[in-house]
Amino acid sequence: GSTFDQGATPEAAEAMRRELDELSGRSDDPRLHQCRAALDAGLPLPDG
């Protein structure tokens, strides 16, 4: 009933975006569109 390990640091979010940019040039997988929407909306920060 509790949520753990939520969020990403700005550095981690930037690394995810770089990986997304690479993969988007090689595939049109719907999961990549979901990732882009989440990254564009902004990821929360880790609580700490």
All heavy atoms as atom14 arrays in JSON, in Angstrom:
{
  "sequence": "GSTFDQGATPEAAEAMRRELDELSGRSDDPRLHQCRAALDAGLPLPDG",
  "atom14_mask": [
    [1, 1, 1, 1, 0, 0, 0, 0, 0, 0, 0, 0, 0, 0],
    [1, 1, 1, 1, 1, 1, 0, 0, 0, 0, 0, 0, 0, 0],
    [1, 1, 1, 1, 1, 1, 1, 0, 0, 0, 0, 0, 0, 0],
    [1, 1, 1, 1, 1, 1, 1, 1, 1, 1, 1, 0, 0, 0],
    [1, 1, 1, 1, 1, 1, 1, 1, 0, 0, 0, 0, 0, 0],
    [1, 1, 1, 1, 1, 1, 1, 1, 1, 0, 0, 0, 0, 0],
    [1, 1, 1, 1, 0, 0, 0, 0, 0, 0, 0, 0, 0, 0],
    [1, 1, 1, 1, 1, 0, 0, 0, 0, 0, 0, 0, 0, 0],
    [1, 1, 1, 1, 1, 1, 1, 0, 0, 0, 0, 0, 0, 0],
    [1, 1, 1, 1, 1, 1, 1, 0, 0, 0, 0, 0, 0, 0],
    [1, 1, 1, 1, 1, 1, 1, 1, 1, 0, 0, 0, 0, 0],
    [1, 1, 1, 1, 1, 0, 0, 0, 0, 0, 0, 0, 0, 0],
    [1, 1, 1, 1, 1, 0, 0, 0, 0, 0, 0, 0, 0, 0],
    [1, 1, 1, 1, 1, 1, 1, 1, 1, 0, 0, 0, 0, 0],
    [1, 1, 1, 1, 1, 0, 0, 0, 0, 0, 0, 0, 0, 0],
    [1, 1, 1, 1, 1, 1, 1, 1, 0, 0, 0, 0, 0, 0],
    [1, 1, 1, 1, 1, 1, 1, 1, 1, 1, 1, 0, 0, 0],
    [1, 1, 1, 1, 1, 1, 1, 1, 1, 1, 1, 0, 0, 0],
    [1, 1, 1, 1, 1, 1, 1, 1, 1, 0, 0, 0, 0, 0],
    [1, 1, 1, 1, 1, 1, 1, 1, 0, 0, 0, 0, 0, 0],
    [1, 1, 1, 1, 1, 1, 1, 1, 0, 0, 0, 0, 0, 0],
    [1, 1, 1, 1, 1, 1, 1, 1, 1, 0, 0, 0, 0, 0],
    [1, 1, 1, 1, 1, 1, 1, 1, 0, 0, 0, 0, 0, 0],
    [1, 1, 1, 1, 1, 1, 0, 0, 0, 0, 0, 0, 0, 0],
    [1, 1, 1, 1, 0, 0, 0, 0, 0, 0, 0, 0, 0, 0],
    [1, 1, 1, 1, 1, 1, 1, 1, 1, 1, 1, 0, 0, 0],
    [1, 1, 1, 1, 1, 1, 0, 0, 0, 0, 0, 0, 0, 0],
    [1, 1, 1, 1, 1, 1, 1, 1, 0, 0, 0, 0, 0, 0],
    [1, 1, 1, 1, 1, 1, 1, 1, 0, 0, 0, 0, 0, 0],
    [1, 1, 1, 1, 1, 1, 1, 0, 0, 0, 0, 0, 0, 0],
    [1, 1, 1, 1, 1, 1, 1, 1, 1, 1, 1, 0, 0, 0],
    [1, 1, 1, 1, 1, 1, 1, 1, 0, 0, 0, 0, 0, 0],
    [1, 1, 1, 1, 1, 1, 1, 1, 1, 1, 0, 0, 0, 0],
    [1, 1, 1, 1, 1, 1, 1, 1, 1, 0, 0, 0, 0, 0],
    [1, 1, 1, 1, 1, 1, 0, 0, 0, 0, 0, 0, 0, 0],
    [1, 1, 1, 1, 1, 1, 1, 1, 1, 1, 1, 0, 0, 0],
    [1, 1, 1, 1, 1, 0, 0, 0, 0, 0, 0, 0, 0, 0],
    [1, 1, 1, 1, 1, 0, 0, 0, 0, 0, 0, 0, 0, 0],
    [1, 1, 1, 1, 1, 1, 1, 1, 0, 0, 0, 0, 0, 0],
    [1, 1, 1, 1, 1, 1, 1, 1, 0, 0, 0, 0, 0, 0],
    [1, 1, 1, 1, 1, 0, 0, 0, 0, 0, 0, 0, 0, 0],
    [1, 1, 1, 1, 0, 0, 0, 0, 0, 0, 0, 0, 0, 0],
    [1, 1, 1, 1, 1, 1, 1, 1, 0, 0, 0, 0, 0, 0],
    [1, 1, 1, 1, 1, 1, 1, 0, 0, 0, 0, 0, 0, 0],
    [1, 1, 1, 1, 1, 1, 1, 1, 0, 0, 0, 0, 0, 0],
    [1, 1, 1, 1, 1, 1, 1, 0, 0, 0, 0, 0, 0, 0],
    [1, 1, 1, 1, 1, 1, 1, 1, 0, 0, 0, 0, 0, 0],
    [1, 1, 1, 1, 0, 0, 0, 0, 0, 0, 0, 0, 0, 0]
  ],
  "atom14_positions": [
    [[0.77, -1.22, 0.0], [0.0, 0.0, 0.0], [0.81, 1.28, 0.0], [0.24, 2.37, 0.0], [0.0, 0.0, 0.0], [0.0, 0.0, 0.0], [0.0, 0.0, 0.0], [0.0, 0.0, 0.0], [0.0, 0.0, 0.0], [0.0, 0.0, 0.0], [0.0, 0.0, 0.0], [0.0, 0.0, 0.0], [0.0, 0.0, 0.0], [0.0, 0.0, 0.0]],
    [[2.12, 1.18, -0.01], [2.98, 2.36, -0.03], [3.79, 2.39, -1.33], [4.08, 1.34, -1.91], [3.93, 2.36, 1.17], [3.2, 2.4, 2.39], [0.0, 0.0, 0.0], [0.0, 0.0, 0.0], [0.0, 0.0, 0.0], [0.0, 0.0, 0.0], [0.0, 0.0, 0.0], [0.0, 0.0, 0.0], [0.0, 0.0, 0.0], [0.0, 0.0, 0.0]],
    [[4.12, 3.59, -1.78], [4.88, 3.76, -3.02], [6.33, 4.07, -2.71], [6.64, 4.95, -1.9], [4.29, 4.91, -3.87], [2.92, 4.61, -4.16], [5.06, 5.06, -5.17], [0.0, 0.0, 0.0], [0.0, 0.0, 0.0], [0.0, 0.0, 0.0], [0.0, 0.0, 0.0], [0.0, 0.0, 0.0], [0.0, 0.0, 0.0], [0.0, 0.0, 0.0]],
    [[7.23, 3.32, -3.34], [8.68, 3.49, -3.13], [9.36, 3.73, -4.48], [8.84, 3.37, -5.53], [9.29, 2.25, -2.46], [8.71, 1.93, -1.11], [7.64, 1.05, -1.0], [9.23, 2.51, 0.04], [7.1, 0.75, 0.24], [8.7, 2.21, 1.27], [7.64, 1.32, 1.38], [0.0, 0.0, 0.0], [0.0, 0.0, 0.0], [0.0, 0.0, 0.0]],
    [[10.56, 4.29, -4.4], [11.45, 4.4, -5.56], [10.81, 5.17, -6.72], [11.03, 4.84, -7.88], [11.89, 3.0, -6.02], [13.2, 3.03, -6.79], [13.94, 4.02, -6.62], [13.48, 2.1, -7.56], [0.0, 0.0, 0.0], [0.0, 0.0, 0.0], [0.0, 0.0, 0.0], [0.0, 0.0, 0.0], [0.0, 0.0, 0.0], [0.0, 0.0, 0.0]],
    [[10.05, 6.2, -6.4], [9.44, 7.02, -7.44], [10.35, 8.2, -7.77], [11.09, 8.68, -6.93], [8.08, 7.55, -6.98], [7.27, 8.25, -8.05], [5.91, 8.68, -7.53], [5.7, 8.8, -6.33], [4.97, 8.91, -8.44], [0.0, 0.0, 0.0], [0.0, 0.0, 0.0], [0.0, 0.0, 0.0], [0.0, 0.0, 0.0], [0.0, 0.0, 0.0]],
    [[10.31, 8.66, -9.0], [11.06, 9.84, -9.38], [12.39, 9.53, -10.04], [12.85, 8.38, -10.08], [0.0, 0.0, 0.0], [0.0, 0.0, 0.0], [0.0, 0.0, 0.0], [0.0, 0.0, 0.0], [0.0, 0.0, 0.0], [0.0, 0.0, 0.0], [0.0, 0.0, 0.0], [0.0, 0.0, 0.0], [0.0, 0.0, 0.0], [0.0, 0.0, 0.0]],
    [[13.0, 10.58, -10.59], [14.31, 10.45, -11.24], [15.05, 11.77, -11.09], [14.44, 12.84, -11.15], [14.14, 10.11, -12.72], [0.0, 0.0, 0.0], [0.0, 0.0, 0.0], [0.0, 0.0, 0.0], [0.0, 0.0, 0.0], [0.0, 0.0, 0.0], [0.0, 0.0, 0.0], [0.0, 0.0, 0.0], [0.0, 0.0, 0.0], [0.0, 0.0, 0.0]],
    [[16.34, 11.7, -10.89], [17.15, 12.92, -10.82], [17.19, 13.56, -12.2], [16.95, 12.89, -13.22], [18.58, 12.6, -10.36], [19.21, 11.78, -11.37], [18.58, 11.86, -9.03], [0.0, 0.0, 0.0], [0.0, 0.0, 0.0], [0.0, 0.0, 0.0], [0.0, 0.0, 0.0], [0.0, 0.0, 0.0], [0.0, 0.0, 0.0], [0.0, 0.0, 0.0]],
    [[17.51, 14.86, -12.3], [17.62, 15.49, -13.62], [18.63, 14.78, -14.52], [18.42, 14.68, -15.73], [18.07, 16.91, -13.27], [17.54, 17.16, -11.89], [17.65, 15.83, -11.2], [0.0, 0.0, 0.0], [0.0, 0.0, 0.0], [0.0, 0.0, 0.0], [0.0, 0.0, 0.0], [0.0, 0.0, 0.0], [0.0, 0.0, 0.0], [0.0, 0.0, 0.0]],
    [[19.72, 14.29, -13.93], [20.74, 13.58, -14.72], [20.18, 12.29, -15.29], [20.41, 11.94, -16.46], [21.97, 13.3, -13.87], [22.73, 14.52, -13.39], [22.08, 15.23, -12.21], [21.18, 14.63, -11.59], [22.46, 16.38, -11.93], [0.0, 0.0, 0.0], [0.0, 0.0, 0.0], [0.0, 0.0, 0.0], [0.0, 0.0, 0.0], [0.0, 0.0, 0.0]],
    [[19.41, 11.55, -14.45], [18.82, 10.29, -14.91], [17.77, 10.55, -15.99], [17.68, 9.81, -16.98], [18.2, 9.54, -13.73], [0.0, 0.0, 0.0], [0.0, 0.0, 0.0], [0.0, 0.0, 0.0], [0.0, 0.0, 0.0], [0.0, 0.0, 0.0], [0.0, 0.0, 0.0], [0.0, 0.0, 0.0], [0.0, 0.0, 0.0], [0.0, 0.0, 0.0]],
    [[16.98, 11.61, -15.81], [15.96, 11.95, -16.8], [16.6, 12.32, -18.14], [16.11, 11.95, -19.21], [15.09, 13.09, -16.29], [0.0, 0.0, 0.0], [0.0, 0.0, 0.0], [0.0, 0.0, 0.0], [0.0, 0.0, 0.0], [0.0, 0.0, 0.0], [0.0, 0.0, 0.0], [0.0, 0.0, 0.0], [0.0, 0.0, 0.0], [0.0, 0.0, 0.0]],
    [[17.73, 13.04, -18.09], [18.43, 13.42, -19.31], [18.99, 12.18, -20.02], [18.94, 12.09, -21.26], [19.55, 14.4, -18.98], [20.34, 14.89, -20.19], [19.49, 15.61, -21.22], [18.48, 16.22, -20.81], [19.82, 15.56, -22.42], [0.0, 0.0, 0.0], [0.0, 0.0, 0.0], [0.0, 0.0, 0.0], [0.0, 0.0, 0.0], [0.0, 0.0, 0.0]],
    [[19.51, 11.22, -19.25], [20.02, 9.98, -19.84], [18.88, 9.2, -20.5], [19.06, 8.62, -21.58], [20.69, 9.13, -18.76], [0.0, 0.0, 0.0], [0.0, 0.0, 0.0], [0.0, 0.0, 0.0], [0.0, 0.0, 0.0], [0.0, 0.0, 0.0], [0.0, 0.0, 0.0], [0.0, 0.0, 0.0], [0.0, 0.0, 0.0], [0.0, 0.0, 0.0]],
    [[17.71, 9.18, -19.87], [16.55, 8.51, -20.46], [16.16, 9.18, -21.78], [15.81, 8.5, -22.75], [15.36, 8.53, -19.49], [15.53, 7.7, -18.25], [14.06, 7.82, -17.19], [14.76, 7.36, -15.59], [0.0, 0.0, 0.0], [0.0, 0.0, 0.0], [0.0, 0.0, 0.0], [0.0, 0.0, 0.0], [0.0, 0.0, 0.0], [0.0, 0.0, 0.0]],
    [[16.2, 10.51, -21.8], [15.83, 11.22, -23.02], [16.82, 10.94, -24.16], [16.43, 10.8, -25.32], [15.74, 12.72, -22.76], [15.15, 13.5, -23.92], [14.84, 14.93, -23.56], [13.72, 15.06, -22.67], [12.45, 15.02, -23.07], [12.17, 14.84, -24.35], [11.47, 15.16, -22.22], [0.0, 0.0, 0.0], [0.0, 0.0, 0.0], [0.0, 0.0, 0.0]],
    [[18.12, 10.87, -23.83], [19.11, 10.55, -24.87], [18.85, 9.15, -25.44], [18.93, 8.93, -26.65], [20.53, 10.64, -24.3], [21.01, 12.06, -24.06], [22.52, 12.09, -23.88], [22.96, 11.25, -22.78], [23.13, 11.69, -21.52], [22.89, 12.96, -21.23], [23.54, 10.88, -20.58], [0.0, 0.0, 0.0], [0.0, 0.0, 0.0], [0.0, 0.0, 0.0]],
    [[18.57, 8.2, -24.54], [18.27, 6.84, -24.99], [17.01, 6.83, -25.85], [16.95, 6.15, -26.88], [18.11, 5.92, -23.78], [17.76, 4.48, -24.1], [18.9, 3.65, -24.66], [19.97, 4.23, -24.98], [18.73, 2.43, -24.79], [0.0, 0.0, 0.0], [0.0, 0.0, 0.0], [0.0, 0.0, 0.0], [0.0, 0.0, 0.0], [0.0, 0.0, 0.0]],
    [[16.0, 7.6, -25.44], [14.77, 7.68, -26.21], [15.02, 8.24, -27.61], [14.49, 7.73, -28.6], [13.76, 8.56, -25.47], [12.45, 8.88, -26.2], [11.66, 7.6, -26.46], [11.62, 9.87, -25.41], [0.0, 0.0, 0.0], [0.0, 0.0, 0.0], [0.0, 0.0, 0.0], [0.0, 0.0, 0.0], [0.0, 0.0, 0.0], [0.0, 0.0, 0.0]],
    [[15.85, 9.27, -27.7], [16.15, 9.87, -29.0], [16.84, 8.87, -29.93], [16.57, 8.82, -31.13], [17.03, 11.11, -28.83], [16.26, 12.28, -28.22], [15.02, 12.26, -28.26], [16.91, 13.2, -27.68], [0.0, 0.0, 0.0], [0.0, 0.0, 0.0], [0.0, 0.0, 0.0], [0.0, 0.0, 0.0], [0.0, 0.0, 0.0], [0.0, 0.0, 0.0]],
    [[17.75, 8.08, -29.35], [18.43, 7.06, -30.15], [17.44, 6.0, -30.65], [17.43, 5.64, -31.83], [19.53, 6.38, -29.33], [20.77, 7.22, -29.11], [21.9, 6.42, -28.5], [21.78, 5.18, -28.45], [22.89, 7.02, -28.07], [0.0, 0.0, 0.0], [0.0, 0.0, 0.0], [0.0, 0.0, 0.0], [0.0, 0.0, 0.0], [0.0, 0.0, 0.0]],
    [[16.6, 5.51, -29.73], [15.68, 4.44, -30.09], [14.59, 4.91, -31.04], [14.13, 4.14, -31.89], [15.06, 3.86, -28.81], [16.01, 3.12, -27.88], [15.33, 2.77, -26.58], [16.57, 1.87, -28.55], [0.0, 0.0, 0.0], [0.0, 0.0, 0.0], [0.0, 0.0, 0.0], [0.0, 0.0, 0.0], [0.0, 0.0, 0.0], [0.0, 0.0, 0.0]],
    [[14.18, 6.16, -30.93], [13.11, 6.67, -31.78], [13.53, 6.7, -33.24], [12.69, 6.65, -34.14], [12.69, 8.07, -31.33], [12.12, 8.02, -30.04], [0.0, 0.0, 0.0], [0.0, 0.0, 0.0], [0.0, 0.0, 0.0], [0.0, 0.0, 0.0], [0.0, 0.0, 0.0], [0.0, 0.0, 0.0], [0.0, 0.0, 0.0], [0.0, 0.0, 0.0]],
    [[14.85, 6.79, -33.49], [15.34, 6.76, -34.86], [15.38, 5.36, -35.44], [15.64, 5.19, -36.63], [0.0, 0.0, 0.0], [0.0, 0.0, 0.0], [0.0, 0.0, 0.0], [0.0, 0.0, 0.0], [0.0, 0.0, 0.0], [0.0, 0.0, 0.0], [0.0, 0.0, 0.0], [0.0, 0.0, 0.0], [0.0, 0.0, 0.0], [0.0, 0.0, 0.0]],
    [[15.11, 4.36, -34.61], [15.2, 2.97, -35.06], [13.88, 2.21, -34.94], [13.76, 1.1, -35.46], [16.27, 2.23, -34.25], [17.66, 2.85, -34.37], [18.66, 2.14, -33.45], [19.96, 2.81, -33.48], [20.9, 2.6, -34.37], [20.68, 1.72, -35.32], [22.05, 3.23, -34.31], [0.0, 0.0, 0.0], [0.0, 0.0, 0.0], [0.0, 0.0, 0.0]],
    [[12.91, 2.79, -34.23], [11.65, 2.07, -34.01], [10.52, 3.07, -33.77], [10.75, 4.18, -33.29], [11.79, 1.13, -32.8], [10.53, 0.56, -32.46], [0.0, 0.0, 0.0], [0.0, 0.0, 0.0], [0.0, 0.0, 0.0], [0.0, 0.0, 0.0], [0.0, 0.0, 0.0], [0.0, 0.0, 0.0], [0.0, 0.0, 0.0], [0.0, 0.0, 0.0]],
    [[9.28, 2.63, -34.11], [8.09, 3.43, -33.84], [7.22, 2.71, -32.82], [6.0, 2.81, -32.84], [7.31, 3.66, -35.15], [6.27, 4.76, -35.01], [6.54, 5.75, -34.3], [5.18, 4.63, -35.59], [0.0, 0.0, 0.0], [0.0, 0.0, 0.0], [0.0, 0.0, 0.0], [0.0, 0.0, 0.0], [0.0, 0.0, 0.0], [0.0, 0.0, 0.0]],
    [[7.86, 2.01, -31.9], [7.16, 1.24, -30.89], [6.28, 2.16, -30.03], [6.73, 3.23, -29.6], [8.19, 0.51, -30.01], [7.55, -0.53, -29.12], [6.84, -0.13, -28.16], [7.76, -1.73, -29.35], [0.0, 0.0, 0.0], [0.0, 0.0, 0.0], [0.0, 0.0, 0.0], [0.0, 0.0, 0.0], [0.0, 0.0, 0.0], [0.0, 0.0, 0.0]],
    [[5.03, 1.76, -29.75], [4.14, 2.6, -28.93], [4.71, 2.91, -27.55], [4.41, 3.97, -26.98], [2.87, 1.75, -28.81], [2.89, 0.85, -30.01], [4.34, 0.57, -30.26], [0.0, 0.0, 0.0], [0.0, 0.0, 0.0], [0.0, 0.0, 0.0], [0.0, 0.0, 0.0], [0.0, 0.0, 0.0], [0.0, 0.0, 0.0], [0.0, 0.0, 0.0]],
    [[5.53, 2.02, -27.01], [6.13, 2.28, -25.69], [7.04, 3.49, -25.72], [7.18, 4.2, -24.71], [6.89, 1.04, -25.2], [6.0, -0.13, -24.82], [6.8, -1.39, -24.61], [7.41, -1.84, -25.85], [8.2, -2.92, -25.93], [8.48, -3.62, -24.84], [8.71, -3.28, -27.08], [0.0, 0.0, 0.0], [0.0, 0.0, 0.0], [0.0, 0.0, 0.0]],
    [[7.66, 3.75, -26.87], [8.52, 4.93, -26.98], [7.69, 6.21, -26.95], [8.11, 7.22, -26.38], [9.35, 4.87, -28.26], [10.36, 3.71, -28.35], [11.09, 3.75, -29.69], [11.36, 3.77, -27.2], [0.0, 0.0, 0.0], [0.0, 0.0, 0.0], [0.0, 0.0, 0.0], [0.0, 0.0, 0.0], [0.0, 0.0, 0.0], [0.0, 0.0, 0.0]],
    [[6.5, 6.16, -27.53], [5.61, 7.32, -27.48], [5.16, 7.59, -26.04], [5.05, 8.74, -25.61], [4.39, 7.11, -28.38], [4.74, 6.97, -29.84], [5.27, 8.01, -30.59], [4.64, 5.92, -30.68], [5.47, 7.61, -31.82], [5.11, 6.33, -31.91], [0.0, 0.0, 0.0], [0.0, 0.0, 0.0], [0.0, 0.0, 0.0], [0.0, 0.0, 0.0]],
    [[4.92, 6.5, -25.28], [4.55, 6.65, -23.88], [5.69, 7.27, -23.07], [5.47, 8.14, -22.22], [4.17, 5.28, -23.3], [2.93, 4.66, -23.91], [2.72, 3.23, -23.46], [3.36, 2.73, -22.54], [1.79, 2.54, -24.12], [0.0, 0.0, 0.0], [0.0, 0.0, 0.0], [0.0, 0.0, 0.0], [0.0, 0.0, 0.0], [0.0, 0.0, 0.0]],
    [[6.91, 6.82, -23.37], [8.08, 7.37, -22.68], [8.26, 8.85, -22.99], [8.55, 9.65, -22.09], [9.34, 6.59, -23.07], [9.42, 4.9, -22.43], [0.0, 0.0, 0.0], [0.0, 0.0, 0.0], [0.0, 0.0, 0.0], [0.0, 0.0, 0.0], [0.0, 0.0, 0.0], [0.0, 0.0, 0.0], [0.0, 0.0, 0.0], [0.0, 0.0, 0.0]],
    [[8.08, 9.22, -24.25], [8.25, 10.63, -24.63], [7.19, 11.5, -23.96], [7.49, 12.61, -23.5], [8.19, 10.78, -26.16], [8.52, 12.2, -26.62], [8.69, 12.3, -28.12], [9.8, 11.49, -28.62], [11.07, 11.84, -28.53], [11.41, 12.99, -27.95], [12.01, 11.04, -29.02], [0.0, 0.0, 0.0], [0.0, 0.0, 0.0], [0.0, 0.0, 0.0]],
    [[5.96, 11.01, -23.91], [4.9, 11.78, -23.26], [5.21, 12.0, -21.79], [5.03, 13.1, -21.26], [3.55, 11.06, -23.42], [0.0, 0.0, 0.0], [0.0, 0.0, 0.0], [0.0, 0.0, 0.0], [0.0, 0.0, 0.0], [0.0, 0.0, 0.0], [0.0, 0.0, 0.0], [0.0, 0.0, 0.0], [0.0, 0.0, 0.0], [0.0, 0.0, 0.0]],
    [[5.72, 10.95, -21.12], [6.05, 11.07, -19.7], [7.22, 12.02, -19.49], [7.21, 12.85, -18.57], [6.38, 9.69, -19.13], [0.0, 0.0, 0.0], [0.0, 0.0, 0.0], [0.0, 0.0, 0.0], [0.0, 0.0, 0.0], [0.0, 0.0, 0.0], [0.0, 0.0, 0.0], [0.0, 0.0, 0.0], [0.0, 0.0, 0.0], [0.0, 0.0, 0.0]],
    [[8.24, 11.94, -20.33], [9.41, 12.81, -20.19], [9.06, 14.25, -20.53], [9.55, 15.18, -19.88], [10.54, 12.31, -21.08], [11.25, 11.04, -20.6], [12.1, 10.44, -21.7], [12.11, 11.33, -19.37], [0.0, 0.0, 0.0], [0.0, 0.0, 0.0], [0.0, 0.0, 0.0], [0.0, 0.0, 0.0], [0.0, 0.0, 0.0], [0.0, 0.0, 0.0]],
    [[8.22, 14.45, -21.54], [7.81, 15.8, -21.89], [6.98, 16.43, -20.78], [7.07, 17.64, -20.52], [7.02, 15.8, -23.2], [7.9, 15.55, -24.42], [9.14, 15.65, -24.28], [7.35, 15.26, -25.5], [0.0, 0.0, 0.0], [0.0, 0.0, 0.0], [0.0, 0.0, 0.0], [0.0, 0.0, 0.0], [0.0, 0.0, 0.0], [0.0, 0.0, 0.0]],
    [[6.16, 15.61, -20.12], [5.34, 16.11, -19.01], [6.2, 16.41, -17.79], [5.86, 17.26, -16.97], [4.25, 15.1, -18.66], [0.0, 0.0, 0.0], [0.0, 0.0, 0.0], [0.0, 0.0, 0.0], [0.0, 0.0, 0.0], [0.0, 0.0, 0.0], [0.0, 0.0, 0.0], [0.0, 0.0, 0.0], [0.0, 0.0, 0.0], [0.0, 0.0, 0.0]],
    [[7.33, 15.72, -17.68], [8.24, 15.93, -16.56], [8.15, 14.82, -15.54], [7.05, 14.46, -15.1], [0.0, 0.0, 0.0], [0.0, 0.0, 0.0], [0.0, 0.0, 0.0], [0.0, 0.0, 0.0], [0.0, 0.0, 0.0], [0.0, 0.0, 0.0], [0.0, 0.0, 0.0], [0.0, 0.0, 0.0], [0.0, 0.0, 0.0], [0.0, 0.0, 0.0]],
    [[9.29, 14.25, -15.17], [9.33, 13.21, -14.16], [9.47, 13.83, -12.78], [10.16, 14.84, -12.62], [10.51, 12.26, -14.41], [10.53, 11.53, -15.76], [11.77, 10.66, -15.85], [9.27, 10.7, -15.97], [0.0, 0.0, 0.0], [0.0, 0.0, 0.0], [0.0, 0.0, 0.0], [0.0, 0.0, 0.0], [0.0, 0.0, 0.0], [0.0, 0.0, 0.0]],
    [[8.82, 13.25, -11.77], [9.01, 13.76, -10.41], [10.43, 13.49, -9.93], [11.13, 12.63, -10.47], [7.98, 12.96, -9.59], [7.78, 11.7, -10.38], [7.92, 12.09, -11.82], [0.0, 0.0, 0.0], [0.0, 0.0, 0.0], [0.0, 0.0, 0.0], [0.0, 0.0, 0.0], [0.0, 0.0, 0.0], [0.0, 0.0, 0.0], [0.0, 0.0, 0.0]],
    [[10.84, 14.23, -8.91], [12.15, 14.02, -8.32], [12.07, 12.97, -7.23], [11.01, 12.8, -6.6], [12.67, 15.33, -7.71], [13.02, 16.46, -8.68], [13.24, 17.75, -7.89], [14.25, 16.11, -9.48], [0.0, 0.0, 0.0], [0.0, 0.0, 0.0], [0.0, 0.0, 0.0], [0.0, 0.0, 0.0], [0.0, 0.0, 0.0], [0.0, 0.0, 0.0]],
    [[13.16, 12.26, -6.95], [13.17, 11.36, -5.8], [12.93, 12.16, -4.52], [13.33, 13.33, -4.42], [14.59, 10.76, -5.82], [15.07, 10.97, -7.22], [14.43, 12.23, -7.7], [0.0, 0.0, 0.0], [0.0, 0.0, 0.0], [0.0, 0.0, 0.0], [0.0, 0.0, 0.0], [0.0, 0.0, 0.0], [0.0, 0.0, 0.0], [0.0, 0.0, 0.0]],
    [[12.26, 11.55, -3.55], [11.91, 12.26, -2.32], [13.13, 12.89, -1.66], [13.08, 14.02, -1.18], [11.23, 11.31, -1.33], [9.81, 10.96, -1.78], [9.25, 11.76, -2.56], [9.29, 9.92, -1.37], [0.0, 0.0, 0.0], [0.0, 0.0, 0.0], [0.0, 0.0, 0.0], [0.0, 0.0, 0.0], [0.0, 0.0, 0.0], [0.0, 0.0, 0.0]],
    [[14.22, 12.18, -1.62], [15.42, 12.7, -0.97], [16.07, 13.86, -1.7], [16.99, 14.49, -1.18], [0.0, 0.0, 0.0], [0.0, 0.0, 0.0], [0.0, 0.0, 0.0], [0.0, 0.0, 0.0], [0.0, 0.0, 0.0], [0.0, 0.0, 0.0], [0.0, 0.0, 0.0], [0.0, 0.0, 0.0], [0.0, 0.0, 0.0], [0.0, 0.0, 0.0]]
  ]
}
